[in-house]
Amino acid sequence: MLTALLTLALGCAAPPAASTPSPLDSARGIVSITGTSFQKSIVLRTKDGAITLEPSATDSLSLSRLGGVEVLAEGKRTSTGFRVDRFKAVSVEGRPVVDGIIRTENGQFFLEQDGRRTLIGNPPTVLRTMPGARVWISGPLATGPNTFGIITPAAPRT
């Protein structure tokens, strides 16, 4: 109590209360690319309508490769749309997919998601050339056959 009175009497501000980060909003729907080559928009078609996505430059390039793919986007709703902080592919043509990064170790191929690695038992031949790429994969990972799409290509090797 004495501290509060001294703070008021001396005109000092009380220390700010610790703030907790606000939870992210989420939106789930199918990515649609609209517009022309000069002005493209990335839109998420949800069960409730369409939301204009506002991704970072990197995510914009990645999302522009996902036309027709159902994604779960996390971020914040804005007055003009939805600011994307992160996203993941969840289905293609109604079939579930797994979104992750291709890793290789001792001649084996893995899909890494959130620090977990899942063995890809029979990866398509072209997928073997893409360590470091972020992809979506459908089909049984352990045995194949698998279909896939590139979300973010692997960085060039130097």
N, C-alpha and C. Protein backbone atom coordinates (compact mmCIF):
# COMPACT_ATOMS: atom_id res chain seq x y z
N MET A 1 0.83 -1.18 0.00
CA MET A 1 0.00 0.00 0.00
C MET A 1 0.88 1.25 0.00
N LEU A 2 1.92 1.25 0.83
CA LEU A 2 2.82 2.38 0.88
C LEU A 2 3.50 2.62 -0.47
N THR A 3 3.86 1.54 -1.14
CA THR A 3 4.49 1.66 -2.46
C THR A 3 3.53 2.31 -3.45
N ALA A 4 2.27 1.91 -3.40
CA ALA A 4 1.27 2.49 -4.31
C ALA A 4 1.10 3.97 -4.05
N LEU A 5 1.05 4.38 -2.75
CA LEU A 5 0.92 5.80 -2.42
C LEU A 5 2.13 6.60 -2.87
N LEU A 6 3.33 6.05 -2.66
CA LEU A 6 4.54 6.73 -3.09
C LEU A 6 4.57 6.87 -4.62
N THR A 7 4.13 5.83 -5.30
CA THR A 7 4.09 5.86 -6.76
C THR A 7 3.18 6.98 -7.22
N LEU A 8 2.00 7.08 -6.63
CA LEU A 8 1.06 8.13 -7.00
C LEU A 8 1.60 9.51 -6.64
N ALA A 9 2.17 9.63 -5.44
CA ALA A 9 2.65 10.92 -4.96
C ALA A 9 3.83 11.42 -5.81
N LEU A 10 4.70 10.51 -6.26
CA LEU A 10 5.87 10.92 -7.02
C LEU A 10 5.60 10.96 -8.52
N GLY A 11 4.43 10.52 -8.91
CA GLY A 11 4.08 10.54 -10.34
C GLY A 11 4.77 9.46 -11.14
N CYS A 12 5.26 8.43 -10.47
CA CYS A 12 5.94 7.35 -11.18
C CYS A 12 4.90 6.37 -11.70
N ALA A 13 5.19 5.81 -12.80
CA ALA A 13 4.28 4.80 -13.36
C ALA A 13 4.59 3.45 -12.75
N ALA A 14 3.56 2.70 -12.51
CA ALA A 14 3.74 1.34 -12.02
C ALA A 14 4.32 0.51 -13.16
N PRO A 15 5.09 -0.53 -12.82
CA PRO A 15 5.65 -1.37 -13.88
C PRO A 15 4.52 -2.02 -14.68
N PRO A 16 4.73 -2.17 -15.99
CA PRO A 16 3.66 -2.77 -16.79
C PRO A 16 3.42 -4.21 -16.40
N ALA A 17 2.17 -4.61 -16.47
CA ALA A 17 1.83 -6.00 -16.16
C ALA A 17 2.34 -6.88 -17.30
N ALA A 18 2.77 -8.07 -16.95
CA ALA A 18 3.25 -9.00 -17.98
C ALA A 18 2.08 -9.37 -18.88
N SER A 19 2.33 -9.29 -20.18
CA SER A 19 1.25 -9.62 -21.10
C SER A 19 1.49 -11.01 -21.67
N THR A 20 0.41 -11.68 -21.92
CA THR A 20 0.50 -12.98 -22.54
C THR A 20 0.16 -12.81 -24.00
N PRO A 21 0.86 -13.54 -24.87
CA PRO A 21 0.56 -13.39 -26.29
C PRO A 21 -0.87 -13.82 -26.59
N SER A 22 -1.51 -13.07 -27.46
CA SER A 22 -2.88 -13.43 -27.80
C SER A 22 -2.87 -14.64 -28.71
N PRO A 23 -3.85 -15.51 -28.57
CA PRO A 23 -3.87 -16.72 -29.39
C PRO A 23 -4.10 -16.37 -30.86
N LEU A 24 -3.61 -17.23 -31.73
CA LEU A 24 -3.77 -17.02 -33.15
C LEU A 24 -5.18 -17.42 -33.58
N ASP A 25 -5.70 -16.70 -34.58
CA ASP A 25 -6.93 -17.10 -35.23
C ASP A 25 -6.57 -18.19 -36.23
N SER A 26 -7.56 -18.94 -36.66
CA SER A 26 -7.29 -19.92 -37.71
C SER A 26 -8.42 -19.89 -38.73
N ALA A 27 -8.08 -20.31 -39.92
CA ALA A 27 -9.06 -20.39 -41.00
C ALA A 27 -8.68 -21.61 -41.84
N ARG A 28 -9.69 -22.37 -42.25
CA ARG A 28 -9.46 -23.57 -43.03
C ARG A 28 -10.28 -23.49 -44.31
N GLY A 29 -9.65 -23.76 -45.43
CA GLY A 29 -10.36 -23.72 -46.69
C GLY A 29 -9.44 -24.07 -47.85
N ILE A 30 -9.96 -23.90 -49.04
CA ILE A 30 -9.22 -24.24 -50.25
C ILE A 30 -8.62 -22.97 -50.85
N VAL A 31 -7.32 -23.05 -51.16
CA VAL A 31 -6.59 -21.92 -51.71
C VAL A 31 -7.04 -21.69 -53.16
N SER A 32 -7.29 -20.43 -53.47
CA SER A 32 -7.67 -20.02 -54.81
C SER A 32 -6.82 -18.82 -55.19
N ILE A 33 -6.23 -18.87 -56.36
CA ILE A 33 -5.42 -17.76 -56.86
C ILE A 33 -6.28 -16.99 -57.85
N THR A 34 -6.49 -15.70 -57.59
CA THR A 34 -7.32 -14.89 -58.47
C THR A 34 -6.52 -13.71 -59.00
N GLY A 35 -6.99 -13.12 -60.08
CA GLY A 35 -6.35 -11.94 -60.63
C GLY A 35 -5.52 -12.26 -61.85
N THR A 36 -4.65 -11.32 -62.19
CA THR A 36 -3.80 -11.45 -63.37
C THR A 36 -2.34 -11.59 -62.93
N SER A 37 -1.48 -11.76 -63.92
CA SER A 37 -0.05 -11.88 -63.58
C SER A 37 0.49 -10.58 -62.98
N PHE A 38 -0.20 -9.46 -63.22
CA PHE A 38 0.24 -8.18 -62.67
C PHE A 38 -0.26 -7.95 -61.25
N GLN A 39 -1.41 -8.52 -60.93
CA GLN A 39 -1.97 -8.33 -59.60
C GLN A 39 -2.74 -9.58 -59.20
N LYS A 40 -2.05 -10.44 -58.42
CA LYS A 40 -2.65 -11.68 -57.95
C LYS A 40 -3.12 -11.51 -56.52
N SER A 41 -4.19 -12.24 -56.21
CA SER A 41 -4.66 -12.33 -54.84
C SER A 41 -4.74 -13.80 -54.47
N ILE A 42 -4.40 -14.08 -53.24
CA ILE A 42 -4.54 -15.45 -52.73
C ILE A 42 -5.74 -15.42 -51.80
N VAL A 43 -6.72 -16.24 -52.14
CA VAL A 43 -7.99 -16.26 -51.41
C VAL A 43 -8.19 -17.64 -50.81
N LEU A 44 -8.74 -17.69 -49.63
CA LEU A 44 -9.08 -18.95 -48.99
C LEU A 44 -10.60 -19.10 -49.05
N ARG A 45 -11.07 -20.11 -49.75
CA ARG A 45 -12.50 -20.36 -49.86
C ARG A 45 -12.91 -21.30 -48.74
N THR A 46 -13.67 -20.75 -47.80
CA THR A 46 -14.10 -21.50 -46.62
C THR A 46 -15.58 -21.84 -46.77
N LYS A 47 -16.10 -22.61 -45.82
CA LYS A 47 -17.53 -22.95 -45.86
C LYS A 47 -18.39 -21.71 -45.67
N ASP A 48 -17.81 -20.62 -45.10
CA ASP A 48 -18.56 -19.39 -44.84
C ASP A 48 -18.35 -18.31 -45.89
N GLY A 49 -17.51 -18.56 -46.89
CA GLY A 49 -17.24 -17.54 -47.90
C GLY A 49 -15.78 -17.52 -48.28
N ALA A 50 -15.31 -16.38 -48.73
CA ALA A 50 -13.93 -16.23 -49.17
C ALA A 50 -13.21 -15.21 -48.31
N ILE A 51 -11.95 -15.50 -47.99
CA ILE A 51 -11.12 -14.61 -47.18
C ILE A 51 -9.86 -14.31 -47.99
N THR A 52 -9.52 -13.03 -48.14
CA THR A 52 -8.27 -12.65 -48.78
C THR A 52 -7.13 -12.89 -47.80
N LEU A 53 -6.14 -13.67 -48.24
CA LEU A 53 -4.99 -13.95 -47.38
C LEU A 53 -3.93 -12.88 -47.57
N GLU A 54 -3.29 -12.53 -46.47
CA GLU A 54 -2.21 -11.54 -46.46
C GLU A 54 -0.95 -12.21 -45.92
N PRO A 55 -0.32 -13.05 -46.75
CA PRO A 55 0.88 -13.77 -46.29
C PRO A 55 2.13 -12.92 -46.39
N SER A 56 3.19 -13.39 -45.72
CA SER A 56 4.51 -12.78 -45.91
C SER A 56 4.94 -13.07 -47.35
N ALA A 57 5.99 -12.43 -47.82
CA ALA A 57 6.46 -12.65 -49.18
C ALA A 57 6.81 -14.12 -49.41
N THR A 58 7.50 -14.73 -48.46
CA THR A 58 7.88 -16.14 -48.59
C THR A 58 6.64 -17.02 -48.62
N ASP A 59 5.72 -16.81 -47.69
CA ASP A 59 4.50 -17.63 -47.66
C ASP A 59 3.64 -17.37 -48.89
N SER A 60 3.69 -16.16 -49.44
CA SER A 60 2.93 -15.86 -50.64
C SER A 60 3.40 -16.74 -51.79
N LEU A 61 4.71 -16.87 -51.96
CA LEU A 61 5.24 -17.74 -53.00
C LEU A 61 4.81 -19.18 -52.78
N SER A 62 4.89 -19.64 -51.54
CA SER A 62 4.50 -21.01 -51.23
C SER A 62 3.01 -21.23 -51.43
N LEU A 63 2.18 -20.33 -50.92
CA LEU A 63 0.73 -20.48 -51.07
C LEU A 63 0.30 -20.40 -52.53
N SER A 64 1.04 -19.65 -53.35
CA SER A 64 0.66 -19.53 -54.76
C SER A 64 0.83 -20.85 -55.50
N ARG A 65 1.57 -21.79 -54.92
CA ARG A 65 1.73 -23.12 -55.50
C ARG A 65 0.62 -24.07 -55.05
N LEU A 66 -0.26 -23.61 -54.18
CA LEU A 66 -1.24 -24.51 -53.57
C LEU A 66 -2.67 -24.27 -54.04
N GLY A 67 -2.86 -23.73 -55.22
CA GLY A 67 -4.20 -23.56 -55.74
C GLY A 67 -4.94 -24.89 -55.75
N GLY A 68 -6.13 -24.94 -55.17
CA GLY A 68 -6.93 -26.16 -55.10
C GLY A 68 -6.64 -27.04 -53.90
N VAL A 69 -5.66 -26.69 -53.09
CA VAL A 69 -5.30 -27.48 -51.91
C VAL A 69 -5.99 -26.90 -50.68
N GLU A 70 -6.53 -27.77 -49.84
CA GLU A 70 -7.12 -27.32 -48.57
C GLU A 70 -6.00 -27.10 -47.57
N VAL A 71 -6.00 -25.92 -46.94
CA VAL A 71 -4.98 -25.59 -45.95
C VAL A 71 -5.63 -25.13 -44.65
N LEU A 72 -4.86 -25.22 -43.59
CA LEU A 72 -5.22 -24.63 -42.30
C LEU A 72 -4.23 -23.49 -42.10
N ALA A 73 -4.75 -22.26 -42.08
CA ALA A 73 -3.91 -21.08 -41.90
C ALA A 73 -4.10 -20.56 -40.48
N GLU A 74 -3.00 -20.13 -39.87
CA GLU A 74 -3.06 -19.50 -38.56
C GLU A 74 -2.47 -18.11 -38.68
N GLY A 75 -3.06 -17.19 -37.96
CA GLY A 75 -2.62 -15.80 -37.99
C GLY A 75 -3.62 -14.91 -37.31
N LYS A 76 -3.89 -13.77 -37.91
CA LYS A 76 -4.82 -12.80 -37.33
C LYS A 76 -5.75 -12.26 -38.40
N ARG A 77 -7.01 -12.17 -38.06
CA ARG A 77 -7.97 -11.53 -38.95
C ARG A 77 -7.69 -10.03 -38.93
N THR A 78 -7.78 -9.41 -40.10
CA THR A 78 -7.56 -7.98 -40.22
C THR A 78 -8.80 -7.36 -40.85
N SER A 79 -8.80 -6.06 -40.98
CA SER A 79 -9.96 -5.39 -41.59
C SER A 79 -10.07 -5.70 -43.08
N THR A 80 -8.95 -6.15 -43.69
CA THR A 80 -8.98 -6.43 -45.13
C THR A 80 -8.86 -7.91 -45.47
N GLY A 81 -8.68 -8.77 -44.48
CA GLY A 81 -8.55 -10.19 -44.77
C GLY A 81 -8.00 -10.97 -43.60
N PHE A 82 -6.97 -11.76 -43.87
CA PHE A 82 -6.38 -12.64 -42.86
C PHE A 82 -4.87 -12.63 -43.04
N ARG A 83 -4.14 -12.14 -42.02
CA ARG A 83 -2.67 -12.12 -42.05
C ARG A 83 -2.17 -13.51 -41.66
N VAL A 84 -1.49 -14.17 -42.55
CA VAL A 84 -1.03 -15.54 -42.34
C VAL A 84 0.32 -15.53 -41.63
N ASP A 85 0.37 -16.20 -40.47
CA ASP A 85 1.65 -16.38 -39.77
C ASP A 85 2.27 -17.73 -40.13
N ARG A 86 1.42 -18.73 -40.34
CA ARG A 86 1.87 -20.05 -40.75
C ARG A 86 0.69 -20.81 -41.32
N PHE A 87 0.98 -21.86 -42.07
CA PHE A 87 -0.08 -22.66 -42.67
C PHE A 87 0.43 -24.07 -42.90
N LYS A 88 -0.51 -24.99 -43.10
CA LYS A 88 -0.13 -26.34 -43.50
C LYS A 88 -1.20 -26.90 -44.42
N ALA A 89 -0.75 -27.68 -45.39
CA ALA A 89 -1.66 -28.37 -46.31
C ALA A 89 -2.32 -29.51 -45.55
N VAL A 90 -3.64 -29.68 -45.74
CA VAL A 90 -4.35 -30.76 -45.04
C VAL A 90 -5.03 -31.76 -45.97
N SER A 91 -5.43 -31.33 -47.17
CA SER A 91 -6.02 -32.29 -48.10
C SER A 91 -5.93 -31.78 -49.54
N VAL A 92 -5.94 -32.75 -50.46
CA VAL A 92 -5.95 -32.46 -51.89
C VAL A 92 -7.03 -33.33 -52.51
N GLU A 93 -7.95 -32.71 -53.21
CA GLU A 93 -9.07 -33.40 -53.83
C GLU A 93 -9.80 -34.30 -52.82
N GLY A 94 -9.93 -33.80 -51.59
CA GLY A 94 -10.65 -34.52 -50.55
C GLY A 94 -9.86 -35.61 -49.86
N ARG A 95 -8.63 -35.86 -50.29
CA ARG A 95 -7.80 -36.89 -49.65
C ARG A 95 -6.80 -36.24 -48.71
N PRO A 96 -6.64 -36.79 -47.51
CA PRO A 96 -5.69 -36.19 -46.55
C PRO A 96 -4.27 -36.24 -47.07
N VAL A 97 -3.51 -35.20 -46.73
CA VAL A 97 -2.09 -35.14 -47.08
C VAL A 97 -1.29 -34.80 -45.83
N VAL A 98 0.00 -35.06 -45.92
CA VAL A 98 0.93 -34.72 -44.85
C VAL A 98 1.86 -33.65 -45.40
N ASP A 99 2.08 -32.60 -44.64
CA ASP A 99 2.89 -31.45 -45.03
C ASP A 99 4.18 -31.49 -44.23
N GLY A 100 5.32 -31.49 -44.92
CA GLY A 100 6.59 -31.51 -44.20
C GLY A 100 7.76 -31.28 -45.13
N ILE A 101 8.95 -31.43 -44.57
CA ILE A 101 10.20 -31.18 -45.29
C ILE A 101 10.89 -32.52 -45.54
N ILE A 102 11.35 -32.71 -46.78
CA ILE A 102 12.06 -33.94 -47.14
C ILE A 102 13.46 -33.91 -46.53
N ARG A 103 13.78 -34.96 -45.81
CA ARG A 103 15.12 -35.12 -45.21
C ARG A 103 15.67 -36.46 -45.66
N THR A 104 16.98 -36.55 -45.73
CA THR A 104 17.63 -37.81 -46.09
C THR A 104 18.73 -38.11 -45.08
N GLU A 105 18.85 -39.40 -44.77
CA GLU A 105 19.88 -39.83 -43.83
C GLU A 105 20.19 -41.29 -44.14
N ASN A 106 21.47 -41.57 -44.38
CA ASN A 106 21.91 -42.93 -44.68
C ASN A 106 21.11 -43.59 -45.80
N GLY A 107 20.82 -42.83 -46.84
CA GLY A 107 20.11 -43.39 -47.98
C GLY A 107 18.62 -43.55 -47.79
N GLN A 108 18.10 -43.17 -46.63
CA GLN A 108 16.66 -43.25 -46.39
C GLN A 108 16.06 -41.86 -46.45
N PHE A 109 14.78 -41.81 -46.81
CA PHE A 109 14.08 -40.54 -46.94
C PHE A 109 13.01 -40.42 -45.88
N PHE A 110 12.91 -39.22 -45.31
CA PHE A 110 11.97 -38.95 -44.23
C PHE A 110 11.18 -37.70 -44.55
N LEU A 111 10.01 -37.61 -43.96
CA LEU A 111 9.24 -36.38 -43.98
C LEU A 111 9.29 -35.83 -42.56
N GLU A 112 9.83 -34.63 -42.41
CA GLU A 112 9.97 -34.01 -41.09
C GLU A 112 8.84 -33.02 -40.87
N GLN A 113 8.14 -33.20 -39.75
CA GLN A 113 7.06 -32.29 -39.36
C GLN A 113 7.22 -31.99 -37.89
N ASP A 114 7.33 -30.72 -37.56
CA ASP A 114 7.42 -30.28 -36.17
C ASP A 114 8.47 -31.08 -35.39
N GLY A 115 9.63 -31.31 -36.02
CA GLY A 115 10.72 -32.01 -35.34
C GLY A 115 10.61 -33.53 -35.36
N ARG A 116 9.49 -34.08 -35.83
CA ARG A 116 9.31 -35.54 -35.93
C ARG A 116 9.64 -35.97 -37.35
N ARG A 117 10.26 -37.13 -37.46
CA ARG A 117 10.57 -37.68 -38.78
C ARG A 117 9.79 -38.96 -39.00
N THR A 118 9.18 -39.05 -40.20
CA THR A 118 8.46 -40.26 -40.59
C THR A 118 9.13 -40.80 -41.84
N LEU A 119 9.48 -42.09 -41.81
CA LEU A 119 10.14 -42.72 -42.93
C LEU A 119 9.22 -42.77 -44.14
N ILE A 120 9.75 -42.40 -45.31
CA ILE A 120 9.04 -42.57 -46.58
C ILE A 120 9.63 -43.83 -47.19
N GLY A 121 8.88 -44.92 -47.14
CA GLY A 121 9.41 -46.23 -47.52
C GLY A 121 9.66 -46.41 -49.00
N ASN A 122 8.88 -45.77 -49.85
CA ASN A 122 9.00 -45.96 -51.29
C ASN A 122 8.73 -44.64 -51.99
N PRO A 123 9.61 -43.63 -51.78
CA PRO A 123 9.32 -42.30 -52.34
C PRO A 123 9.36 -42.31 -53.86
N PRO A 124 8.52 -41.49 -54.50
CA PRO A 124 8.62 -41.34 -55.94
C PRO A 124 10.05 -40.91 -56.32
N THR A 125 10.52 -41.36 -57.47
CA THR A 125 11.90 -41.10 -57.90
C THR A 125 12.25 -39.62 -57.85
N VAL A 126 11.39 -38.76 -58.37
CA VAL A 126 11.71 -37.33 -58.40
C VAL A 126 11.81 -36.75 -56.99
N LEU A 127 11.07 -37.30 -56.04
CA LEU A 127 11.12 -36.81 -54.66
C LEU A 127 12.50 -37.07 -54.04
N ARG A 128 13.18 -38.08 -54.53
CA ARG A 128 14.52 -38.41 -54.01
C ARG A 128 15.54 -37.32 -54.33
N THR A 129 15.21 -36.46 -55.28
CA THR A 129 16.14 -35.40 -55.67
C THR A 129 15.85 -34.08 -54.95
N MET A 130 14.95 -34.10 -53.96
CA MET A 130 14.48 -32.86 -53.35
C MET A 130 14.72 -32.72 -51.85
N PRO A 131 15.83 -33.23 -51.29
CA PRO A 131 16.02 -33.01 -49.86
C PRO A 131 15.97 -31.52 -49.53
N GLY A 132 15.27 -31.17 -48.47
CA GLY A 132 15.14 -29.79 -48.04
C GLY A 132 13.89 -29.10 -48.56
N ALA A 133 13.20 -29.72 -49.51
CA ALA A 133 11.98 -29.12 -50.05
C ALA A 133 10.81 -29.36 -49.09
N ARG A 134 9.92 -28.38 -49.01
CA ARG A 134 8.68 -28.56 -48.25
C ARG A 134 7.63 -29.05 -49.26
N VAL A 135 7.00 -30.18 -48.94
CA VAL A 135 6.05 -30.81 -49.85
C VAL A 135 4.81 -31.26 -49.10
N TRP A 136 3.76 -31.56 -49.85
CA TRP A 136 2.64 -32.31 -49.31
C TRP A 136 2.69 -33.68 -49.98
N ILE A 137 2.36 -34.71 -49.20
CA ILE A 137 2.38 -36.08 -49.72
C ILE A 137 1.08 -36.75 -49.32
N SER A 138 0.49 -37.48 -50.27
CA SER A 138 -0.68 -38.30 -49.95
C SER A 138 -0.32 -39.75 -50.21
N GLY A 139 -1.11 -40.64 -49.64
CA GLY A 139 -0.86 -42.07 -49.77
C GLY A 139 -0.07 -42.57 -48.57
N PRO A 140 0.03 -43.88 -48.44
CA PRO A 140 0.74 -44.45 -47.28
C PRO A 140 2.24 -44.18 -47.35
N LEU A 141 2.76 -43.46 -46.37
CA LEU A 141 4.18 -43.09 -46.39
C LEU A 141 5.10 -44.30 -46.31
N ALA A 142 4.71 -45.30 -45.56
CA ALA A 142 5.60 -46.45 -45.35
C ALA A 142 5.77 -47.29 -46.61
N THR A 143 4.74 -47.36 -47.46
CA THR A 143 4.80 -48.28 -48.59
C THR A 143 4.57 -47.63 -49.95
N GLY A 144 3.93 -46.47 -49.99
CA GLY A 144 3.56 -45.87 -51.26
C GLY A 144 2.39 -46.64 -51.85
N PRO A 145 1.96 -46.34 -53.01
CA PRO A 145 2.41 -45.25 -53.84
C PRO A 145 1.98 -43.90 -53.26
N ASN A 146 2.75 -42.89 -53.60
CA ASN A 146 2.48 -41.55 -53.09
C ASN A 146 2.36 -40.57 -54.24
N THR A 147 1.51 -39.58 -54.02
CA THR A 147 1.50 -38.41 -54.88
C THR A 147 1.97 -37.26 -54.01
N PHE A 148 2.48 -36.21 -54.64
CA PHE A 148 3.01 -35.10 -53.85
C PHE A 148 2.93 -33.82 -54.65
N GLY A 149 3.09 -32.71 -53.95
CA GLY A 149 3.18 -31.40 -54.56
C GLY A 149 4.21 -30.59 -53.81
N ILE A 150 4.86 -29.70 -54.52
CA ILE A 150 5.90 -28.87 -53.90
C ILE A 150 5.26 -27.62 -53.31
N ILE A 151 5.55 -27.38 -52.05
CA ILE A 151 5.10 -26.16 -51.38
C ILE A 151 6.21 -25.11 -51.47
N THR A 152 7.42 -25.51 -51.07
CA THR A 152 8.59 -24.63 -51.15
C THR A 152 9.76 -25.47 -51.65
N PRO A 153 10.34 -25.11 -52.80
CA PRO A 153 11.48 -25.89 -53.31
C PRO A 153 12.65 -25.85 -52.33
N ALA A 154 13.52 -26.83 -52.45
CA ALA A 154 14.74 -26.85 -51.64
C ALA A 154 15.62 -25.68 -52.06
N ALA A 155 16.35 -25.14 -51.11
CA ALA A 155 17.30 -24.07 -51.42
C ALA A 155 18.41 -24.65 -52.31
N PRO A 156 18.88 -23.86 -53.27
CA PRO A 156 19.94 -24.35 -54.15
C PRO A 156 21.18 -24.71 -53.35
N ARG A 157 21.82 -25.77 -53.76
CA ARG A 157 23.07 -26.18 -53.10
C ARG A 157 24.22 -25.36 -53.65
N THR A 158 25.13 -24.99 -52.76
CA THR A 158 26.28 -24.20 -53.22
C THR A 158 27.55 -24.98 -53.11
